[in-house]
Amino acid sequence: MNFLLKLILSAVAVIVLAKILPGVGVDSYVSSLIVALVLAILNSIVKPILVILTLPATVITLGLFLLVINAAIILLADYFISGFSVNGWLWALIFSVLLSVFQSILHSILKKDKS
């Protein structure tokens, strides 16, 4: 149940960010739910592999290279989902940072409600 709620919150975050950012688009609510699901899958399978492969670059940049990895994950989701579009690396980077911030805010609100 907790995973489903996080998935729905992520889909809401994708919808809101697609409305705010001009370089990001999502066709429908179903597409945003699929984007949230694909991002969860990519973050759990592909991201750890990319982090291990790029560990020297991540260490040299003091962790800032993780932003590039997050943008690459967003662009992979763009490639796999036809109802989701991101116009380039810069928009993917901005979208990934704002999505992380928005998700952390929503999850902290959710955590306070359960206490």
PDB file of N, CA and C in Angstrom:
ATOM      1  N   MET A   1       0.820  -1.195   0.000  1.00  0.00           N
ATOM      2  CA  MET A   1       0.000   0.000   0.000  1.00  0.00           C
ATOM      3  C   MET A   1       0.864   1.260   0.000  1.00  0.00           C
ATOM      4  N   ASN A   2       1.956   1.198   0.744  1.00  0.00           N
ATOM      5  CA  ASN A   2       2.857   2.347   0.819  1.00  0.00           C
ATOM      6  C   ASN A   2       3.496   2.637  -0.538  1.00  0.00           C
ATOM      7  N   PHE A   3       3.879   1.566  -1.268  1.00  0.00           N
ATOM      8  CA  PHE A   3       4.468   1.751  -2.597  1.00  0.00           C
ATOM      9  C   PHE A   3       3.465   2.387  -3.546  1.00  0.00           C
ATOM     10  N   LEU A   4       2.223   1.956  -3.486  1.00  0.00           N
ATOM     11  CA  LEU A   4       1.189   2.513  -4.359  1.00  0.00           C
ATOM     12  C   LEU A   4       0.951   3.993  -4.067  1.00  0.00           C
ATOM     13  N   LEU A   5       0.957   4.351  -2.791  1.00  0.00           N
ATOM     14  CA  LEU A   5       0.778   5.754  -2.425  1.00  0.00           C
ATOM     15  C   LEU A   5       1.953   6.607  -2.898  1.00  0.00           C
ATOM     16  N   LYS A   6       3.173   6.091  -2.767  1.00  0.00           N
ATOM     17  CA  LYS A   6       4.349   6.814  -3.258  1.00  0.00           C
ATOM     18  C   LYS A   6       4.308   6.950  -4.774  1.00  0.00           C
ATOM     19  N   LEU A   7       3.820   5.918  -5.440  1.00  0.00           N
ATOM     20  CA  LEU A   7       3.702   5.958  -6.893  1.00  0.00           C
ATOM     21  C   LEU A   7       2.700   7.028  -7.328  1.00  0.00           C
ATOM     22  N   ILE A   8       1.589   7.120  -6.642  1.00  0.00           N
ATOM     23  CA  ILE A   8       0.583   8.132  -6.967  1.00  0.00           C
ATOM     24  C   ILE A   8       1.111   9.536  -6.681  1.00  0.00           C
ATOM     25  N   LEU A   9       1.841   9.699  -5.575  1.00  0.00           N
ATOM     26  CA  LEU A   9       2.433  11.001  -5.272  1.00  0.00           C
ATOM     27  C   LEU A   9       3.475  11.394  -6.312  1.00  0.00           C
ATOM     28  N   SER A  10       4.241  10.427  -6.777  1.00  0.00           N
ATOM     29  CA  SER A  10       5.209  10.707  -7.832  1.00  0.00           C
ATOM     30  C   SER A  10       4.510  11.091  -9.125  1.00  0.00           C
ATOM     31  N   ALA A  11       3.401  10.439  -9.435  1.00  0.00           N
ATOM     32  CA  ALA A  11       2.635  10.780 -10.632  1.00  0.00           C
ATOM     33  C   ALA A  11       2.079  12.200 -10.528  1.00  0.00           C
ATOM     34  N   VAL A  12       1.621  12.583  -9.349  1.00  0.00           N
ATOM     35  CA  VAL A  12       1.137  13.952  -9.141  1.00  0.00           C
ATOM     36  C   VAL A  12       2.285  14.944  -9.334  1.00  0.00           C
ATOM     37  N   ALA A  13       3.463  14.593  -8.818  1.00  0.00           N
ATOM     38  CA  ALA A  13       4.628  15.467  -8.983  1.00  0.00           C
ATOM     39  C   ALA A  13       4.998  15.608 -10.451  1.00  0.00           C
ATOM     40  N   VAL A  14       4.909  14.522 -11.212  1.00  0.00           N
ATOM     41  CA  VAL A  14       5.215  14.574 -12.648  1.00  0.00           C
ATOM     42  C   VAL A  14       4.220  15.481 -13.368  1.00  0.00           C
ATOM     43  N   ILE A  15       2.950  15.382 -13.019  1.00  0.00           N
ATOM     44  CA  ILE A  15       1.930  16.222 -13.651  1.00  0.00           C
ATOM     45  C   ILE A  15       2.182  17.702 -13.354  1.00  0.00           C
ATOM     46  N   VAL A  16       2.438  18.001 -12.087  1.00  0.00           N
ATOM     47  CA  VAL A  16       2.652  19.401 -11.691  1.00  0.00           C
ATOM     48  C   VAL A  16       3.890  19.963 -12.383  1.00  0.00           C
ATOM     49  N   LEU A  17       4.971  19.204 -12.407  1.00  0.00           N
ATOM     50  CA  LEU A  17       6.195  19.692 -13.045  1.00  0.00           C
ATOM     51  C   LEU A  17       6.045  19.815 -14.561  1.00  0.00           C
ATOM     52  N   ALA A  18       5.255  18.934 -15.165  1.00  0.00           N
ATOM     53  CA  ALA A  18       5.015  19.049 -16.603  1.00  0.00           C
ATOM     54  C   ALA A  18       4.218  20.310 -16.926  1.00  0.00           C
ATOM     55  N   LYS A  19       3.344  20.718 -16.000  1.00  0.00           N
ATOM     56  CA  LYS A  19       2.582  21.958 -16.207  1.00  0.00           C
ATOM     57  C   LYS A  19       3.471  23.187 -16.015  1.00  0.00           C
ATOM     58  N   ILE A  20       4.419  23.099 -15.089  1.00  0.00           N
ATOM     59  CA  ILE A  20       5.266  24.246 -14.757  1.00  0.00           C
ATOM     60  C   ILE A  20       6.394  24.434 -15.770  1.00  0.00           C
ATOM     61  N   LEU A  21       7.086  23.352 -16.109  1.00  0.00           N
ATOM     62  CA  LEU A  21       8.268  23.443 -16.968  1.00  0.00           C
ATOM     63  C   LEU A  21       7.876  23.371 -18.442  1.00  0.00           C
ATOM     64  N   PRO A  22       8.313  24.331 -19.250  1.00  0.00           N
ATOM     65  CA  PRO A  22       7.947  24.317 -20.669  1.00  0.00           C
ATOM     66  C   PRO A  22       8.667  23.239 -21.477  1.00  0.00           C
ATOM     67  N   GLY A  23       9.782  22.730 -20.998  1.00  0.00           N
ATOM     68  CA  GLY A  23      10.531  21.726 -21.747  1.00  0.00           C
ATOM     69  C   GLY A  23      10.142  20.300 -21.435  1.00  0.00           C
ATOM     70  N   VAL A  24       9.128  20.130 -20.584  1.00  0.00           N
ATOM     71  CA  VAL A  24       8.685  18.799 -20.179  1.00  0.00           C
ATOM     72  C   VAL A  24       7.199  18.696 -20.462  1.00  0.00           C
ATOM     73  N   GLY A  25       6.791  17.570 -21.040  1.00  0.00           N
ATOM     74  CA  GLY A  25       5.386  17.378 -21.330  1.00  0.00           C
ATOM     75  C   GLY A  25       4.922  15.967 -21.020  1.00  0.00           C
ATOM     76  N   VAL A  26       3.695  15.864 -20.573  1.00  0.00           N
ATOM     77  CA  VAL A  26       3.070  14.567 -20.334  1.00  0.00           C
ATOM     78  C   VAL A  26       1.656  14.638 -20.901  1.00  0.00           C
ATOM     79  N   ASP A  27       1.254  13.573 -21.593  1.00  0.00           N
ATOM     80  CA  ASP A  27      -0.022  13.596 -22.316  1.00  0.00           C
ATOM     81  C   ASP A  27      -1.243  13.457 -21.420  1.00  0.00           C
ATOM     82  N   SER A  28      -1.202  12.546 -20.451  1.00  0.00           N
ATOM     83  CA  SER A  28      -2.392  12.277 -19.651  1.00  0.00           C
ATOM     84  C   SER A  28      -1.998  11.840 -18.247  1.00  0.00           C
ATOM     85  N   TYR A  29      -3.011  11.624 -17.433  1.00  0.00           N
ATOM     86  CA  TYR A  29      -2.777  11.143 -16.077  1.00  0.00           C
ATOM     87  C   TYR A  29      -2.233   9.721 -16.086  1.00  0.00           C
ATOM     88  N   VAL A  30      -2.699   8.930 -17.022  1.00  0.00           N
ATOM     89  CA  VAL A  30      -2.196   7.556 -17.143  1.00  0.00           C
ATOM     90  C   VAL A  30      -0.723   7.572 -17.534  1.00  0.00           C
ATOM     91  N   SER A  31      -0.364   8.468 -18.426  1.00  0.00           N
ATOM     92  CA  SER A  31       1.044   8.590 -18.814  1.00  0.00           C
ATOM     93  C   SER A  31       1.906   9.000 -17.630  1.00  0.00           C
ATOM     94  N   SER A  32       1.399   9.894 -16.795  1.00  0.00           N
ATOM     95  CA  SER A  32       2.183  10.313 -15.629  1.00  0.00           C
ATOM     96  C   SER A  32       2.336   9.175 -14.628  1.00  0.00           C
ATOM     97  N   LEU A  33       1.328   8.334 -14.499  1.00  0.00           N
ATOM     98  CA  LEU A  33       1.438   7.161 -13.633  1.00  0.00           C
ATOM     99  C   LEU A  33       2.449   6.167 -14.195  1.00  0.00           C
ATOM    100  N   ILE A  34       2.456   6.012 -15.512  1.00  0.00           N
ATOM    101  CA  ILE A  34       3.437   5.135 -16.158  1.00  0.00           C
ATOM    102  C   ILE A  34       4.842   5.710 -16.005  1.00  0.00           C
ATOM    103  N   VAL A  35       4.977   7.034 -16.112  1.00  0.00           N
ATOM    104  CA  VAL A  35       6.275   7.680 -15.914  1.00  0.00           C
ATOM    105  C   VAL A  35       6.772   7.410 -14.496  1.00  0.00           C
ATOM    106  N   ALA A  36       5.901   7.555 -13.515  1.00  0.00           N
ATOM    107  CA  ALA A  36       6.298   7.311 -12.125  1.00  0.00           C
ATOM    108  C   ALA A  36       6.729   5.861 -11.925  1.00  0.00           C
ATOM    109  N   LEU A  37       6.014   4.927 -12.540  1.00  0.00           N
ATOM    110  CA  LEU A  37       6.362   3.512 -12.421  1.00  0.00           C
ATOM    111  C   LEU A  37       7.689   3.210 -13.113  1.00  0.00           C
ATOM    112  N   VAL A  38       7.874   3.737 -14.312  1.00  0.00           N
ATOM    113  CA  VAL A  38       9.124   3.502 -15.050  1.00  0.00           C
ATOM    114  C   VAL A  38      10.304   4.147 -14.328  1.00  0.00           C
ATOM    115  N   LEU A  39      10.117   5.337 -13.770  1.00  0.00           N
ATOM    116  CA  LEU A  39      11.195   5.975 -13.020  1.00  0.00           C
ATOM    117  C   LEU A  39      11.555   5.160 -11.779  1.00  0.00           C
ATOM    118  N   ALA A  40      10.554   4.590 -11.122  1.00  0.00           N
ATOM    119  CA  ALA A  40      10.834   3.751  -9.956  1.00  0.00           C
ATOM    120  C   ALA A  40      11.633   2.510 -10.358  1.00  0.00           C
ATOM    121  N   ILE A  41      11.269   1.910 -11.483  1.00  0.00           N
ATOM    122  CA  ILE A  41      11.985   0.722 -11.964  1.00  0.00           C
ATOM    123  C   ILE A  41      13.409   1.087 -12.383  1.00  0.00           C
ATOM    124  N   LEU A  42      13.555   2.172 -13.147  1.00  0.00           N
ATOM    125  CA  LEU A  42      14.885   2.590 -13.581  1.00  0.00           C
ATOM    126  C   LEU A  42      15.772   2.985 -12.399  1.00  0.00           C
ATOM    127  N   ASN A  43      15.185   3.642 -11.407  1.00  0.00           N
ATOM    128  CA  ASN A  43      15.969   4.043 -10.234  1.00  0.00           C
ATOM    129  C   ASN A  43      16.392   2.853  -9.388  1.00  0.00           C
ATOM    130  N   SER A  44      15.627   1.782  -9.431  1.00  0.00           N
ATOM    131  CA  SER A  44      16.002   0.620  -8.630  1.00  0.00           C
ATOM    132  C   SER A  44      16.915  -0.349  -9.369  1.00  0.00           C
ATOM    133  N   ILE A  45      16.910  -0.339 -10.693  1.00  0.00           N
ATOM    134  CA  ILE A  45      17.725  -1.304 -11.451  1.00  0.00           C
ATOM    135  C   ILE A  45      18.897  -0.630 -12.145  1.00  0.00           C
ATOM    136  N   VAL A  46      18.643   0.399 -12.935  1.00  0.00           N
ATOM    137  CA  VAL A  46      19.680   1.002 -13.768  1.00  0.00           C
ATOM    138  C   VAL A  46      20.569   1.964 -12.983  1.00  0.00           C
ATOM    139  N   LYS A  47      19.980   2.755 -12.095  1.00  0.00           N
ATOM    140  CA  LYS A  47      20.756   3.769 -11.395  1.00  0.00           C
ATOM    141  C   LYS A  47      21.905   3.196 -10.562  1.00  0.00           C
ATOM    142  N   PRO A  48      21.709   2.115  -9.799  1.00  0.00           N
ATOM    143  CA  PRO A  48      22.861   1.574  -9.056  1.00  0.00           C
ATOM    144  C   PRO A  48      24.005   1.119  -9.964  1.00  0.00           C
ATOM    145  N   ILE A  49      23.669   0.581 -11.119  1.00  0.00           N
ATOM    146  CA  ILE A  49      24.711   0.164 -12.073  1.00  0.00           C
ATOM    147  C   ILE A  49      25.469   1.381 -12.582  1.00  0.00           C
ATOM    148  N   LEU A  50      24.742   2.445 -12.932  1.00  0.00           N
ATOM    149  CA  LEU A  50      25.400   3.660 -13.403  1.00  0.00           C
ATOM    150  C   LEU A  50      26.244   4.318 -12.315  1.00  0.00           C
ATOM    151  N   VAL A  51      25.772   4.267 -11.090  1.00  0.00           N
ATOM    152  CA  VAL A  51      26.535   4.855  -9.990  1.00  0.00           C
ATOM    153  C   VAL A  51      27.847   4.108  -9.790  1.00  0.00           C
ATOM    154  N   ILE A  52      27.806   2.796  -9.858  1.00  0.00           N
ATOM    155  CA  ILE A  52      29.034   2.010  -9.694  1.00  0.00           C
ATOM    156  C   ILE A  52      29.988   2.245 -10.860  1.00  0.00           C
ATOM    157  N   LEU A  53      29.462   2.295 -12.081  1.00  0.00           N
ATOM    158  CA  LEU A  53      30.325   2.500 -13.240  1.00  0.00           C
ATOM    159  C   LEU A  53      30.965   3.882 -13.270  1.00  0.00           C
ATOM    160  N   THR A  54      30.274   4.872 -12.725  1.00  0.00           N
ATOM    161  CA  THR A  54      30.791   6.246 -12.757  1.00  0.00           C
ATOM    162  C   THR A  54      31.292   6.700 -11.393  1.00  0.00           C
ATOM    163  N   LEU A  55      31.660   5.772 -10.546  1.00  0.00           N
ATOM    164  CA  LEU A  55      32.119   6.117  -9.204  1.00  0.00           C
ATOM    165  C   LEU A  55      33.325   7.064  -9.188  1.00  0.00           C
ATOM    166  N   PRO A  56      34.324   6.867 -10.046  1.00  0.00           N
ATOM    167  CA  PRO A  56      35.441   7.834 -10.024  1.00  0.00           C
ATOM    168  C   PRO A  56      35.006   9.266 -10.357  1.00  0.00           C
ATOM    169  N   ALA A  57      34.147   9.412 -11.343  1.00  0.00           N
ATOM    170  CA  ALA A  57      33.671  10.759 -11.700  1.00  0.00           C
ATOM    171  C   ALA A  57      32.826  11.348 -10.574  1.00  0.00           C
ATOM    172  N   THR A  58      32.055  10.512  -9.904  1.00  0.00           N
ATOM    173  CA  THR A  58      31.230  10.980  -8.799  1.00  0.00           C
ATOM    174  C   THR A  58      32.097  11.431  -7.626  1.00  0.00           C
ATOM    175  N   VAL A  59      33.144  10.687  -7.345  1.00  0.00           N
ATOM    176  CA  VAL A  59      34.040  11.061  -6.252  1.00  0.00           C
ATOM    177  C   VAL A  59      34.793  12.351  -6.584  1.00  0.00           C
ATOM    178  N   ILE A  60      35.281  12.466  -7.801  1.00  0.00           N
ATOM    179  CA  ILE A  60      36.032  13.664  -8.192  1.00  0.00           C
ATOM    180  C   ILE A  60      35.150  14.915  -8.141  1.00  0.00           C
ATOM    181  N   THR A  61      33.889  14.785  -8.530  1.00  0.00           N
ATOM    182  CA  THR A  61      32.988  15.944  -8.524  1.00  0.00           C
ATOM    183  C   THR A  61      32.241  16.103  -7.202  1.00  0.00           C
ATOM    184  N   LEU A  62      32.644  15.331  -6.204  1.00  0.00           N
ATOM    185  CA  LEU A  62      32.034  15.377  -4.868  1.00  0.00           C
ATOM    186  C   LEU A  62      30.527  15.107  -4.895  1.00  0.00           C
ATOM    187  N   GLY A  63      30.132  14.190  -5.748  1.00  0.00           N
ATOM    188  CA  GLY A  63      28.736  13.771  -5.816  1.00  0.00           C
ATOM    189  C   GLY A  63      27.878  14.522  -6.808  1.00  0.00           C
ATOM    190  N   LEU A  64      28.386  15.570  -7.403  1.00  0.00           N
ATOM    191  CA  LEU A  64      27.578  16.349  -8.349  1.00  0.00           C
ATOM    192  C   LEU A  64      27.282  15.581  -9.634  1.00  0.00           C
ATOM    193  N   PHE A  65      28.096  14.575  -9.938  1.00  0.00           N
ATOM    194  CA  PHE A  65      27.840  13.787 -11.137  1.00  0.00           C
ATOM    195  C   PHE A  65      26.554  12.966 -11.008  1.00  0.00           C
ATOM    196  N   LEU A  66      26.074  12.776  -9.794  1.00  0.00           N
ATOM    197  CA  LEU A  66      24.802  12.074  -9.597  1.00  0.00           C
ATOM    198  C   LEU A  66      23.647  12.840 -10.241  1.00  0.00           C
ATOM    199  N   LEU A  67      23.772  14.159 -10.352  1.00  0.00           N
ATOM    200  CA  LEU A  67      22.751  14.939 -11.057  1.00  0.00           C
ATOM    201  C   LEU A  67      22.698  14.559 -12.529  1.00  0.00           C
ATOM    202  N   VAL A  68      23.857  14.308 -13.111  1.00  0.00           N
ATOM    203  CA  VAL A  68      23.908  13.881 -14.514  1.00  0.00           C
ATOM    204  C   VAL A  68      23.290  12.491 -14.666  1.00  0.00           C
ATOM    205  N   ILE A  69      23.531  11.615 -13.699  1.00  0.00           N
ATOM    206  CA  ILE A  69      22.937  10.279 -13.739  1.00  0.00           C
ATOM    207  C   ILE A  69      21.417  10.378 -13.626  1.00  0.00           C
ATOM    208  N   ASN A  70      20.930  11.249 -12.750  1.00  0.00           N
ATOM    209  CA  ASN A  70      19.479  11.440 -12.629  1.00  0.00           C
ATOM    210  C   ASN A  70      18.880  11.968 -13.928  1.00  0.00           C
ATOM    211  N   ALA A  71      19.565  12.891 -14.581  1.00  0.00           N
ATOM    212  CA  ALA A  71      19.081  13.417 -15.859  1.00  0.00           C
ATOM    213  C   ALA A  71      19.081  12.319 -16.919  1.00  0.00           C
ATOM    214  N   ALA A  72      20.078  11.448 -16.893  1.00  0.00           N
ATOM    215  CA  ALA A  72      20.115  10.329 -17.838  1.00  0.00           C
ATOM    216  C   ALA A  72      18.950   9.371 -17.596  1.00  0.00           C
ATOM    217  N   ILE A  73      18.588   9.153 -16.348  1.00  0.00           N
ATOM    218  CA  ILE A  73      17.442   8.296 -16.025  1.00  0.00           C
ATOM    219  C   ILE A  73      16.154   8.925 -16.560  1.00  0.00           C
ATOM    220  N   ILE A  74      16.015  10.234 -16.429  1.00  0.00           N
ATOM    221  CA  ILE A  74      14.837  10.931 -16.957  1.00  0.00           C
ATOM    222  C   ILE A  74      14.783  10.801 -18.478  1.00  0.00           C
ATOM    223  N   LEU A  75      15.919  10.951 -19.135  1.00  0.00           N
ATOM    224  CA  LEU A  75      15.951  10.822 -20.597  1.00  0.00           C
ATOM    225  C   LEU A  75      15.678   9.389 -21.039  1.00  0.00           C
ATOM    226  N   LEU A  76      16.088   8.400 -20.244  1.00  0.00           N
ATOM    227  CA  LEU A  76      15.737   7.006 -20.550  1.00  0.00           C
ATOM    228  C   LEU A  76      14.225   6.795 -20.453  1.00  0.00           C
ATOM    229  N   ALA A  77      13.617   7.381 -19.441  1.00  0.00           N
ATOM    230  CA  ALA A  77      12.160   7.294 -19.304  1.00  0.00           C
ATOM    231  C   ALA A  77      11.473   7.973 -20.486  1.00  0.00           C
ATOM    232  N   ASP A  78      12.025   9.091 -20.929  1.00  0.00           N
ATOM    233  CA  ASP A  78      11.498   9.782 -22.107  1.00  0.00           C
ATOM    234  C   ASP A  78      11.571   8.882 -23.336  1.00  0.00           C
ATOM    235  N   TYR A  79      12.649   8.137 -23.462  1.00  0.00           N
ATOM    236  CA  TYR A  79      12.829   7.241 -24.607  1.00  0.00           C
ATOM    237  C   TYR A  79      11.815   6.096 -24.578  1.00  0.00           C
ATOM    238  N   PHE A  80      11.529   5.562 -23.406  1.00  0.00           N
ATOM    239  CA  PHE A  80      10.656   4.393 -23.291  1.00  0.00           C
ATOM    240  C   PHE A  80       9.171   4.728 -23.322  1.00  0.00           C
ATOM    241  N   ILE A  81       8.785   5.936 -22.920  1.00  0.00           N
ATOM    242  CA  ILE A  81       7.367   6.279 -22.782  1.00  0.00           C
ATOM    243  C   ILE A  81       6.985   7.272 -23.865  1.00  0.00           C
ATOM    244  N   SER A  82       5.996   6.909 -24.668  1.00  0.00           N
ATOM    245  CA  SER A  82       5.602   7.775 -25.779  1.00  0.00           C
ATOM    246  C   SER A  82       4.807   8.995 -25.326  1.00  0.00           C
ATOM    247  N   GLY A  83       4.135   8.946 -24.188  1.00  0.00           N
ATOM    248  CA  GLY A  83       3.330  10.071 -23.715  1.00  0.00           C
ATOM    249  C   GLY A  83       4.091  11.043 -22.852  1.00  0.00           C
ATOM    250  N   PHE A  84       5.403  10.894 -22.772  1.00  0.00           N
ATOM    251  CA  PHE A  84       6.246  11.728 -21.923  1.00  0.00           C
ATOM    252  C   PHE A  84       7.380  12.285 -22.774  1.00  0.00           C
ATOM    253  N   SER A  85       7.614  13.591 -22.693  1.00  0.00           N
ATOM    254  CA  SER A  85       8.682  14.176 -23.500  1.00  0.00           C
ATOM    255  C   SER A  85       9.491  15.179 -22.687  1.00  0.00           C
ATOM    256  N   VAL A  86      10.801  15.117 -22.892  1.00  0.00           N
ATOM    257  CA  VAL A  86      11.734  16.048 -22.269  1.00  0.00           C
ATOM    258  C   VAL A  86      12.624  16.585 -23.381  1.00  0.00           C
ATOM    259  N   ASN A  87      12.752  17.899 -23.458  1.00  0.00           N
ATOM    260  CA  ASN A  87      13.512  18.529 -24.539  1.00  0.00           C
ATOM    261  C   ASN A  87      14.963  18.788 -24.140  1.00  0.00           C
ATOM    262  N   GLY A  88      15.752  17.744 -24.036  1.00  0.00           N
ATOM    263  CA  GLY A  88      17.187  17.912 -23.828  1.00  0.00           C
ATOM    264  C   GLY A  88      17.667  17.700 -22.403  1.00  0.00           C
ATOM    265  N   TRP A  89      18.998  17.754 -22.275  1.00  0.00           N
ATOM    266  CA  TRP A  89      19.662  17.481 -21.008  1.00  0.00           C
ATOM    267  C   TRP A  89      19.330  18.507 -19.942  1.00  0.00           C
ATOM    268  N   LEU A  90      19.288  19.771 -20.321  1.00  0.00           N
ATOM    269  CA  LEU A  90      19.035  20.812 -19.326  1.00  0.00           C
ATOM    270  C   LEU A  90      17.660  20.646 -18.690  1.00  0.00           C
ATOM    271  N   TRP A  91      16.642  20.394 -19.498  1.00  0.00           N
ATOM    272  CA  TRP A  91      15.297  20.197 -18.959  1.00  0.00           C
ATOM    273  C   TRP A  91      15.217  18.923 -18.140  1.00  0.00           C
ATOM    274  N   ALA A  92      15.954  17.886 -18.545  1.00  0.00           N
ATOM    275  CA  ALA A  92      15.988  16.649 -17.763  1.00  0.00           C
ATOM    276  C   ALA A  92      16.644  16.887 -16.408  1.00  0.00           C
ATOM    277  N   LEU A  93      17.697  17.683 -16.402  1.00  0.00           N
ATOM    278  CA  LEU A  93      18.383  18.004 -15.150  1.00  0.00           C
ATOM    279  C   LEU A  93      17.484  18.813 -14.222  1.00  0.00           C
ATOM    280  N   ILE A  94      16.838  19.836 -14.761  1.00  0.00           N
ATOM    281  CA  ILE A  94      15.930  20.667 -13.964  1.00  0.00           C
ATOM    282  C   ILE A  94      14.757  19.828 -13.459  1.00  0.00           C
ATOM    283  N   PHE A  95      14.200  18.991 -14.338  1.00  0.00           N
ATOM    284  CA  PHE A  95      13.076  18.145 -13.961  1.00  0.00           C
ATOM    285  C   PHE A  95      13.473  17.176 -12.852  1.00  0.00           C
ATOM    286  N   SER A  96      14.660  16.572 -12.951  1.00  0.00           N
ATOM    287  CA  SER A  96      15.067  15.595 -11.936  1.00  0.00           C
ATOM    288  C   SER A  96      15.290  16.250 -10.582  1.00  0.00           C
ATOM    289  N   VAL A  97      15.882  17.446 -10.574  1.00  0.00           N
ATOM    290  CA  VAL A  97      16.106  18.139  -9.311  1.00  0.00           C
ATOM    291  C   VAL A  97      14.774  18.545  -8.681  1.00  0.00           C
ATOM    292  N   LEU A  98      13.893  19.135  -9.472  1.00  0.00           N
ATOM    293  CA  LEU A  98      12.597  19.559  -8.941  1.00  0.00           C
ATOM    294  C   LEU A  98      11.730  18.379  -8.540  1.00  0.00           C
ATOM    295  N   LEU A  99      11.817  17.275  -9.277  1.00  0.00           N
ATOM    296  CA  LEU A  99      11.060  16.080  -8.912  1.00  0.00           C
ATOM    297  C   LEU A  99      11.541  15.533  -7.577  1.00  0.00           C
ATOM    298  N   SER A 100      12.826  15.530  -7.349  1.00  0.00           N
ATOM    299  CA  SER A 100      13.370  15.067  -6.066  1.00  0.00           C
ATOM    300  C   SER A 100      12.904  15.952  -4.918  1.00  0.00           C
ATOM    301  N   VAL A 101      12.955  17.262  -5.131  1.00  0.00           N
ATOM    302  CA  VAL A 101      12.516  18.197  -4.093  1.00  0.00           C
ATOM    303  C   VAL A 101      11.024  18.030  -3.821  1.00  0.00           C
ATOM    304  N   PHE A 102      10.235  17.963  -4.884  1.00  0.00           N
ATOM    305  CA  PHE A 102       8.782  17.843  -4.745  1.00  0.00           C
ATOM    306  C   PHE A 102       8.399  16.534  -4.061  1.00  0.00           C
ATOM    307  N   GLN A 103       9.063  15.432  -4.427  1.00  0.00           N
ATOM    308  CA  GLN A 103       8.779  14.142  -3.803  1.00  0.00           C
ATOM    309  C   GLN A 103       9.162  14.147  -2.328  1.00  0.00           C
ATOM    310  N   SER A 104      10.277  14.759  -1.989  1.00  0.00           N
ATOM    311  CA  SER A 104      10.681  14.786  -0.578  1.00  0.00           C
ATOM    312  C   SER A 104       9.705  15.608   0.256  1.00  0.00           C
ATOM    313  N   ILE A 105       9.186  16.695  -0.304  1.00  0.00           N
ATOM    314  CA  ILE A 105       8.188  17.494   0.411  1.00  0.00           C
ATOM    315  C   ILE A 105       6.911  16.693   0.611  1.00  0.00           C
ATOM    316  N   LEU A 106       6.434  16.045  -0.450  1.00  0.00           N
ATOM    317  CA  LEU A 106       5.208  15.254  -0.335  1.00  0.00           C
ATOM    318  C   LEU A 106       5.371  14.084   0.634  1.00  0.00           C
ATOM    319  N   HIS A 107       6.521  13.437   0.613  1.00  0.00           N
ATOM    320  CA  HIS A 107       6.749  12.296   1.497  1.00  0.00           C
ATOM    321  C   HIS A 107       6.895  12.739   2.946  1.00  0.00           C
ATOM    322  N   SER A 108       7.477  13.923   3.174  1.00  0.00           N
ATOM    323  CA  SER A 108       7.583  14.420   4.550  1.00  0.00           C
ATOM    324  C   SER A 108       6.202  14.801   5.092  1.00  0.00           C
ATOM    325  N   ILE A 109       5.356  15.343   4.253  1.00  0.00           N
ATOM    326  CA  ILE A 109       3.987  15.643   4.665  1.00  0.00           C
ATOM    327  C   ILE A 109       3.244  14.356   4.986  1.00  0.00           C
ATOM    328  N   LEU A 110       3.450  13.350   4.157  1.00  0.00           N
ATOM    329  CA  LEU A 110       2.816  12.054   4.377  1.00  0.00           C
ATOM    330  C   LEU A 110       3.316  11.426   5.666  1.00  0.00           C
ATOM    331  N   LYS A 111       4.592  11.567   5.952  1.00  0.00           N
ATOM    332  CA  LYS A 111       5.182  10.985   7.154  1.00  0.00           C
ATOM    333  C   LYS A 111       4.623  11.658   8.402  1.00  0.00           C
ATOM    334  N   LYS A 112       4.395  12.990   8.348  1.00  0.00           N
ATOM    335  CA  LYS A 112       3.829  13.707   9.486  1.00  0.00           C
ATOM    336  C   LYS A 112       2.399  13.285   9.754  1.00  0.00           C
ATOM    337  N   ASP A 113       1.643  12.972   8.696  1.00  0.00           N
ATOM    338  CA  ASP A 113       0.257  12.550   8.866  1.00  0.00           C
ATOM    339  C   ASP A 113       0.154  11.206   9.555  1.00  0.00           C
ATOM    340  N   LYS A 114       1.125  10.323   9.341  1.00  0.00           N
ATOM    341  CA  LYS A 114       1.086   9.001   9.972  1.00  0.00           C
ATOM    342  C   LYS A 114       1.503   9.041  11.436  1.00  0.00           C
ATOM    343  N   SER A 115       2.235  10.061  11.846  1.00  0.00           N
ATOM    344  CA  SER A 115       2.726  10.130  13.238  1.00  0.00           C
ATOM    345  C   SER A 115       1.630  10.435  14.211  1.00  0.00           C
TER     346      SER A 115
END
